[in-house]
Amino acid sequence: MMTKSGKPAAMLGLLITVPAVLFFRGRVKKTKTTRTAQSSCTAAEPAHRRAFLKEHIINGREHSVQPLEYHVASRAHLAGFERQHNLPGENAPVEAPALETGISMEELVIQTEEGAQGQMPTVLLRSTRAPPSTRLPVVICLHSTGSNRFQMFRRMQAFAKRGYLAVSIDVRYHGSRQITKLDYQEALIQAWKDGKTRPFLLDTVYDLIRLLDHLEGRPDVDASRIGMTGISLGGMLTWLTAVCDERIAVTVPMIGVQNFEWAIHNNKWHDRVATISAVFNEAASSMGRPSVDSQ
C-alpha cells in the first residue's frame, strides 16, 4: 500500500490493507487505472509486458524447467543444507526466531530448477487454531538485500494470528542460499559479464512463480486469495512477480520503487549504487571509466 506521497505505509496500514483485500469473496478483480497524457499504453500492453517477462524469466533459463519438487526440512536438515553450500567459517547458520504461542511453523526446501541456487528454503506459519483442512488466504513476505527469510518473522506471525498462511523464502544468494559473504556481488558481476543468469531480480521472480505452483496445489491454501509484500529488494520482487503472474491478487511493496531518472538528474543515485557496489565498479571498469558516475 502506498500513500499519496509515494512513501510506504506504516505497519498498521499493511496489516489492515492486505487482510481486507484478501478476505473479499472470490478473486480480487483488477481495477482500472487512470493514465496520464504522457502515457501511450494501450489496453493490450499489460498482457504483452507479462508475456515478455515470462518469456525471459521462464523460457530463457540457463537450466531446464523441471517438475516441481520439495521436501520437508527439519532444523537439522537445514543446518546440513547450509554446511553443504557454505564454506567453513563464512556464514553462521540461519536461525529461526522463537515462535509465539499458538503459531506453528513448517519448513521446506523447494527445488525450482537444477543446481544449488535452485534449492529454495521456505518457511510457512499458520495459527494452530486453524484446522489443517481449512483453506487459508496467503501472504508471501519477501526480505531486503542482505537479509533472509526470517527478516519479516514478526509480521508473519501477526498475519498467522489473523488467520493467514504466512510464507517467506530466501532470495537467491541470501540466507541459506548464500555460499560466501561476497557470493551475491560475485553473481551480479558474472551476470554483467556473460548475461547467463539474472541474480538481481528475475531469477528469484522465477522461484516465486514456482512457489505459487506449490501453494496452488496445497490443500490448506485458498489459491484465489494470495497476496505478496516485501521490503526494498523484496518490494521490487513483489512488483515484478505480480506483473508476471495473475495468481497474485494483491501486492503491498514497501520502498520497492525508485525513480532512477530523478536520482540521476538530482545527483541522488549514490545510495542505490552502494547496495550493490561491486557490480557497478565492474561495469565502470569494463566501460573504461575511472569510477562510477551518473552516466
Protein backbone atom coordinates (compact mmCIF):
# COMPACT_ATOMS: atom_id res chain seq x y z
CA MET A 1 0.00 0.00 0.00
CA MET A 2 1.40 3.38 -0.97
CA THR A 3 0.43 6.73 0.46
CA LYS A 4 -0.39 9.67 -1.79
CA SER A 5 3.13 10.99 -1.27
CA GLY A 6 4.52 7.71 -2.57
CA LYS A 7 6.03 6.71 0.77
CA PRO A 8 5.39 3.22 2.19
CA ALA A 9 2.52 2.96 4.61
CA ALA A 10 3.16 2.05 8.23
CA MET A 11 2.79 -1.45 9.65
CA LEU A 12 -0.77 -0.72 10.72
CA GLY A 13 -1.74 0.03 7.14
CA LEU A 14 -0.02 -3.14 5.95
CA LEU A 15 -1.85 -5.32 8.44
CA ILE A 16 -5.19 -3.73 7.61
CA THR A 17 -4.98 -3.43 3.83
CA VAL A 18 -3.74 -6.89 2.83
CA PRO A 19 -6.26 -8.77 5.02
CA ALA A 20 -9.10 -6.50 3.92
CA VAL A 21 -8.46 -7.17 0.24
CA LEU A 22 -7.78 -10.88 0.58
CA PHE A 23 -10.94 -11.51 2.57
CA PHE A 24 -13.16 -10.31 -0.27
CA ARG A 25 -15.09 -13.20 -1.76
CA GLY A 26 -13.52 -14.78 -4.78
CA ARG A 27 -10.65 -13.34 -6.71
CA VAL A 28 -9.85 -9.69 -6.33
CA LYS A 29 -10.72 -8.01 -9.59
CA LYS A 30 -8.27 -5.72 -11.32
CA THR A 31 -9.30 -2.07 -11.12
CA LYS A 32 -8.96 0.34 -13.97
CA THR A 33 -6.21 2.92 -13.59
CA THR A 34 -6.22 6.44 -14.98
CA ARG A 35 -3.37 7.01 -17.40
CA THR A 36 -1.67 10.36 -17.79
CA ALA A 37 -1.38 12.24 -21.05
CA GLN A 38 2.30 11.22 -21.19
CA SER A 39 1.41 7.53 -21.37
CA SER A 40 0.69 5.92 -24.72
CA CYS A 41 -0.10 2.46 -23.31
CA THR A 42 -2.98 0.57 -24.86
CA ALA A 43 -5.27 -1.83 -23.02
CA ALA A 44 -3.39 -4.78 -24.54
CA GLU A 45 0.07 -3.69 -23.41
CA PRO A 46 -0.03 -5.16 -19.87
CA ALA A 47 -0.61 -8.60 -21.40
CA HIS A 48 2.29 -8.05 -23.80
CA ARG A 49 4.56 -6.99 -20.95
CA ARG A 50 3.55 -10.04 -18.93
CA ALA A 51 4.27 -12.31 -21.88
CA PHE A 52 7.63 -10.60 -22.48
CA LEU A 53 8.70 -11.02 -18.85
CA LYS A 54 7.59 -14.64 -18.72
CA GLU A 55 9.49 -15.37 -21.92
CA HIS A 56 12.72 -14.06 -20.38
CA ILE A 57 12.12 -15.48 -16.91
CA ILE A 58 10.95 -18.99 -17.78
CA ASN A 59 11.86 -19.85 -21.36
CA GLY A 60 15.21 -18.07 -21.20
CA ARG A 61 16.54 -20.03 -18.22
CA GLU A 62 20.04 -21.45 -18.16
CA HIS A 63 18.74 -24.65 -16.55
CA SER A 64 15.81 -26.61 -17.93
CA VAL A 65 12.47 -26.19 -16.18
CA GLN A 66 11.69 -29.37 -14.28
CA PRO A 67 8.65 -30.71 -12.43
CA LEU A 68 8.42 -29.02 -9.05
CA GLU A 69 9.95 -30.97 -6.18
CA TYR A 70 10.09 -30.25 -2.46
CA HIS A 71 10.87 -31.95 0.81
CA VAL A 72 10.19 -31.17 4.42
CA ALA A 73 13.18 -29.51 6.06
CA SER A 74 13.89 -30.04 9.74
CA ARG A 75 16.29 -27.70 11.51
CA ALA A 76 18.90 -30.48 11.39
CA HIS A 77 18.36 -30.86 7.64
CA LEU A 78 18.65 -27.12 7.06
CA ALA A 79 21.86 -27.00 9.09
CA GLY A 80 23.23 -29.74 6.84
CA PHE A 81 22.00 -27.87 3.77
CA GLU A 82 23.88 -24.79 4.90
CA ARG A 83 27.05 -26.74 5.68
CA GLN A 84 26.87 -28.31 2.23
CA HIS A 85 26.66 -25.00 0.41
CA ASN A 86 28.64 -22.67 2.68
CA LEU A 87 32.40 -22.57 3.03
CA PRO A 88 33.69 -23.19 6.58
CA GLY A 89 33.70 -20.04 8.67
CA GLU A 90 31.93 -17.89 6.07
CA ASN A 91 28.37 -17.67 7.39
CA ALA A 92 26.62 -18.62 10.58
CA PRO A 93 23.58 -20.90 10.11
CA VAL A 94 20.30 -19.08 9.57
CA GLU A 95 18.44 -19.43 12.86
CA ALA A 96 14.66 -19.27 13.20
CA PRO A 97 13.38 -16.78 15.81
CA ALA A 98 11.25 -18.00 18.70
CA LEU A 99 7.65 -18.83 17.84
CA GLU A 100 4.83 -17.16 19.71
CA THR A 101 2.21 -19.30 21.40
CA GLY A 102 -0.46 -20.52 19.02
CA ILE A 103 1.72 -20.41 15.87
CA SER A 104 3.09 -23.46 14.05
CA MET A 105 5.99 -23.39 11.59
CA GLU A 106 6.64 -25.60 8.57
CA GLU A 107 9.97 -25.51 6.74
CA LEU A 108 10.55 -26.79 3.22
CA VAL A 109 13.29 -26.78 0.62
CA ILE A 110 11.66 -26.41 -2.80
CA GLN A 111 13.73 -27.45 -5.82
CA THR A 112 12.79 -24.94 -8.52
CA GLU A 113 15.48 -25.99 -11.02
CA GLU A 114 18.88 -27.71 -11.21
CA GLY A 115 21.85 -26.51 -9.21
CA ALA A 116 22.46 -25.23 -5.67
CA GLN A 117 20.66 -21.92 -6.29
CA GLY A 118 17.62 -23.90 -7.44
CA GLN A 119 17.11 -25.05 -3.84
CA MET A 120 14.78 -22.56 -2.15
CA PRO A 121 14.43 -22.66 1.65
CA THR A 122 10.84 -21.77 2.51
CA VAL A 123 9.10 -21.13 5.82
CA LEU A 124 5.32 -21.20 6.38
CA LEU A 125 3.49 -20.02 9.50
CA ARG A 126 -0.12 -20.64 10.47
CA SER A 127 -2.32 -20.48 13.54
CA THR A 128 -2.68 -23.72 15.48
CA ARG A 129 -6.38 -22.87 15.82
CA ALA A 130 -6.96 -23.32 12.09
CA PRO A 131 -7.93 -26.92 11.19
CA PRO A 132 -5.38 -28.48 8.77
CA SER A 133 -8.07 -28.91 6.11
CA THR A 134 -9.08 -25.22 6.16
CA ARG A 135 -8.08 -23.34 3.02
CA LEU A 136 -6.39 -20.16 4.19
CA PRO A 137 -5.59 -16.92 2.37
CA VAL A 138 -1.83 -16.45 1.91
CA VAL A 139 0.56 -13.55 2.46
CA ILE A 140 4.05 -14.01 0.96
CA CYS A 141 6.65 -11.82 2.73
CA LEU A 142 9.95 -11.03 0.99
CA HIS A 143 13.11 -9.75 2.65
CA SER A 144 15.50 -6.95 1.70
CA THR A 145 19.07 -7.11 0.35
CA GLY A 146 21.47 -8.82 2.74
CA SER A 147 18.77 -10.40 4.90
CA ASN A 148 16.97 -13.76 4.90
CA ARG A 149 13.59 -15.47 5.14
CA PHE A 150 13.21 -14.58 8.84
CA GLN A 151 13.53 -10.79 8.46
CA MET A 152 9.74 -10.30 8.49
CA PHE A 153 9.09 -13.04 11.04
CA ARG A 154 7.20 -10.78 13.49
CA ARG A 155 4.91 -9.59 10.72
CA MET A 156 4.45 -13.13 9.50
CA GLN A 157 3.36 -14.21 12.98
CA ALA A 158 0.94 -11.27 13.09
CA PHE A 159 -0.58 -12.45 9.79
CA ALA A 160 -0.77 -16.05 11.06
CA LYS A 161 -2.65 -14.93 14.17
CA ARG A 162 -5.19 -13.23 11.90
CA GLY A 163 -5.92 -16.43 10.01
CA TYR A 164 -3.42 -16.35 7.15
CA LEU A 165 -0.79 -18.74 5.94
CA ALA A 166 2.32 -16.53 6.05
CA VAL A 167 5.12 -17.61 3.72
CA SER A 168 8.70 -16.46 3.19
CA ILE A 169 11.71 -17.62 1.17
CA ASP A 170 15.41 -16.94 0.95
CA VAL A 171 16.02 -14.82 -2.15
CA ARG A 172 18.81 -16.18 -4.34
CA TYR A 173 22.31 -15.78 -2.85
CA HIS A 174 20.79 -14.83 0.52
CA GLY A 175 20.24 -16.66 3.77
CA SER A 176 20.84 -20.39 3.43
CA ARG A 177 21.43 -19.92 -0.32
CA GLN A 178 24.46 -17.73 0.30
CA ILE A 179 27.66 -19.63 -0.38
CA THR A 180 30.11 -16.91 0.71
CA LYS A 181 29.69 -13.40 2.04
CA LEU A 182 30.52 -11.99 -1.41
CA ASP A 183 28.51 -14.54 -3.35
CA TYR A 184 25.65 -12.20 -4.29
CA GLN A 185 28.00 -9.48 -5.53
CA GLU A 186 30.05 -12.04 -7.48
CA ALA A 187 26.90 -13.42 -9.09
CA LEU A 188 25.91 -9.91 -10.20
CA ILE A 189 29.36 -9.34 -11.69
CA GLN A 190 29.25 -12.64 -13.56
CA ALA A 191 25.80 -11.80 -14.90
CA TRP A 192 27.16 -8.45 -16.15
CA LYS A 193 29.97 -10.29 -17.94
CA ASP A 194 28.11 -13.16 -19.61
CA GLY A 195 24.37 -12.50 -19.19
CA LYS A 196 23.62 -16.16 -18.46
CA THR A 197 21.81 -15.58 -15.18
CA ARG A 198 19.65 -12.83 -13.68
CA PRO A 199 20.55 -12.90 -9.98
CA PHE A 200 19.40 -9.37 -9.12
CA LEU A 201 15.66 -9.90 -9.67
CA LEU A 202 14.39 -12.20 -12.40
CA ASP A 203 15.85 -15.49 -11.17
CA THR A 204 14.03 -15.03 -7.86
CA VAL A 205 10.84 -13.99 -9.69
CA TYR A 206 11.08 -17.39 -11.38
CA ASP A 207 11.41 -19.01 -7.94
CA LEU A 208 8.33 -17.13 -6.75
CA ILE A 209 6.32 -18.36 -9.73
CA ARG A 210 7.31 -21.90 -8.74
CA LEU A 211 6.37 -21.10 -5.13
CA LEU A 212 2.91 -20.16 -6.40
CA ASP A 213 2.75 -23.52 -8.17
CA HIS A 214 3.44 -25.22 -4.85
CA LEU A 215 0.95 -23.12 -2.91
CA GLU A 216 -1.77 -23.64 -5.52
CA GLY A 217 -1.53 -27.39 -5.02
CA ARG A 218 -1.69 -27.35 -1.22
CA PRO A 219 -4.96 -28.46 0.46
CA ASP A 220 -4.64 -25.68 3.09
CA VAL A 221 -4.40 -22.78 0.60
CA ASP A 222 -7.15 -20.68 -0.95
CA ALA A 223 -5.37 -20.02 -4.25
CA SER A 224 -7.77 -17.20 -5.16
CA ARG A 225 -6.54 -15.13 -2.19
CA ILE A 226 -2.76 -14.87 -2.38
CA GLY A 227 -1.08 -11.59 -1.53
CA MET A 228 2.56 -10.54 -1.60
CA THR A 229 4.59 -7.89 0.21
CA GLY A 230 8.29 -7.13 0.56
CA ILE A 231 10.87 -4.62 1.72
CA SER A 232 13.28 -2.91 -0.72
CA LEU A 233 14.59 -5.82 -2.85
CA GLY A 234 11.52 -7.72 -1.69
CA GLY A 235 9.36 -4.81 -2.81
CA MET A 236 10.84 -4.91 -6.31
CA LEU A 237 10.30 -8.66 -6.45
CA THR A 238 6.70 -8.10 -5.38
CA TRP A 239 6.05 -5.69 -8.26
CA LEU A 240 7.63 -7.95 -10.88
CA THR A 241 6.02 -11.18 -9.71
CA ALA A 242 2.57 -9.59 -9.70
CA VAL A 243 3.12 -8.38 -13.26
CA CYS A 244 4.16 -11.86 -14.39
CA ASP A 245 1.62 -13.95 -12.54
CA GLU A 246 -2.06 -13.09 -12.09
CA ARG A 247 -2.36 -15.54 -9.20
CA ILE A 248 -1.14 -12.67 -7.01
CA ALA A 249 -4.40 -10.99 -6.03
CA VAL A 250 -2.95 -8.03 -4.12
CA THR A 251 0.51 -6.53 -3.64
CA VAL A 252 1.93 -4.27 -0.92
CA PRO A 253 5.51 -3.40 -1.97
CA MET A 254 7.45 -1.32 0.56
CA ILE A 255 10.23 1.03 -0.66
CA GLY A 256 10.36 -1.15 -3.76
CA VAL A 257 10.39 1.58 -6.39
CA GLN A 258 12.94 4.26 -7.16
CA ASN A 259 12.81 6.89 -9.89
CA PHE A 260 16.26 6.36 -11.35
CA GLU A 261 15.89 9.24 -13.81
CA TRP A 262 15.11 11.62 -10.94
CA ALA A 263 18.03 10.22 -8.91
CA ILE A 264 20.49 10.84 -11.74
CA HIS A 265 19.23 14.33 -12.52
CA ASN A 266 19.34 15.30 -8.85
CA ASN A 267 22.62 13.55 -8.02
CA LYS A 268 20.90 11.19 -5.56
CA TRP A 269 21.96 7.85 -7.04
CA HIS A 270 24.86 7.06 -4.68
CA ASP A 271 22.89 5.12 -2.04
CA ARG A 272 21.41 2.82 -4.66
CA VAL A 273 24.83 2.13 -6.15
CA ALA A 274 26.28 1.44 -2.69
CA THR A 275 23.93 -1.50 -2.07
CA ILE A 276 25.50 -3.49 -4.93
CA SER A 277 28.69 -1.50 -5.45
CA ALA A 278 30.83 -4.36 -6.78
CA VAL A 279 28.84 -4.80 -9.98
CA PHE A 280 28.73 -1.03 -10.62
CA ASN A 281 32.51 -0.83 -10.16
CA GLU A 282 32.97 -3.72 -12.57
CA ALA A 283 30.67 -2.07 -15.10
CA ALA A 284 32.53 1.23 -14.84
CA SER A 285 35.86 -0.55 -15.31
CA SER A 286 34.68 -2.54 -18.34
CA MET A 287 33.40 0.70 -19.90
CA GLY A 288 36.78 2.38 -19.43
CA ARG A 289 35.67 4.79 -16.72
CA PRO A 290 37.86 5.53 -13.68
CA SER A 291 34.90 5.34 -11.30
CA VAL A 292 31.12 5.02 -11.16
CA ASP A 293 29.34 8.14 -12.39
CA SER A 294 25.83 9.16 -13.40
CA GLN A 295 26.42 8.07 -16.98
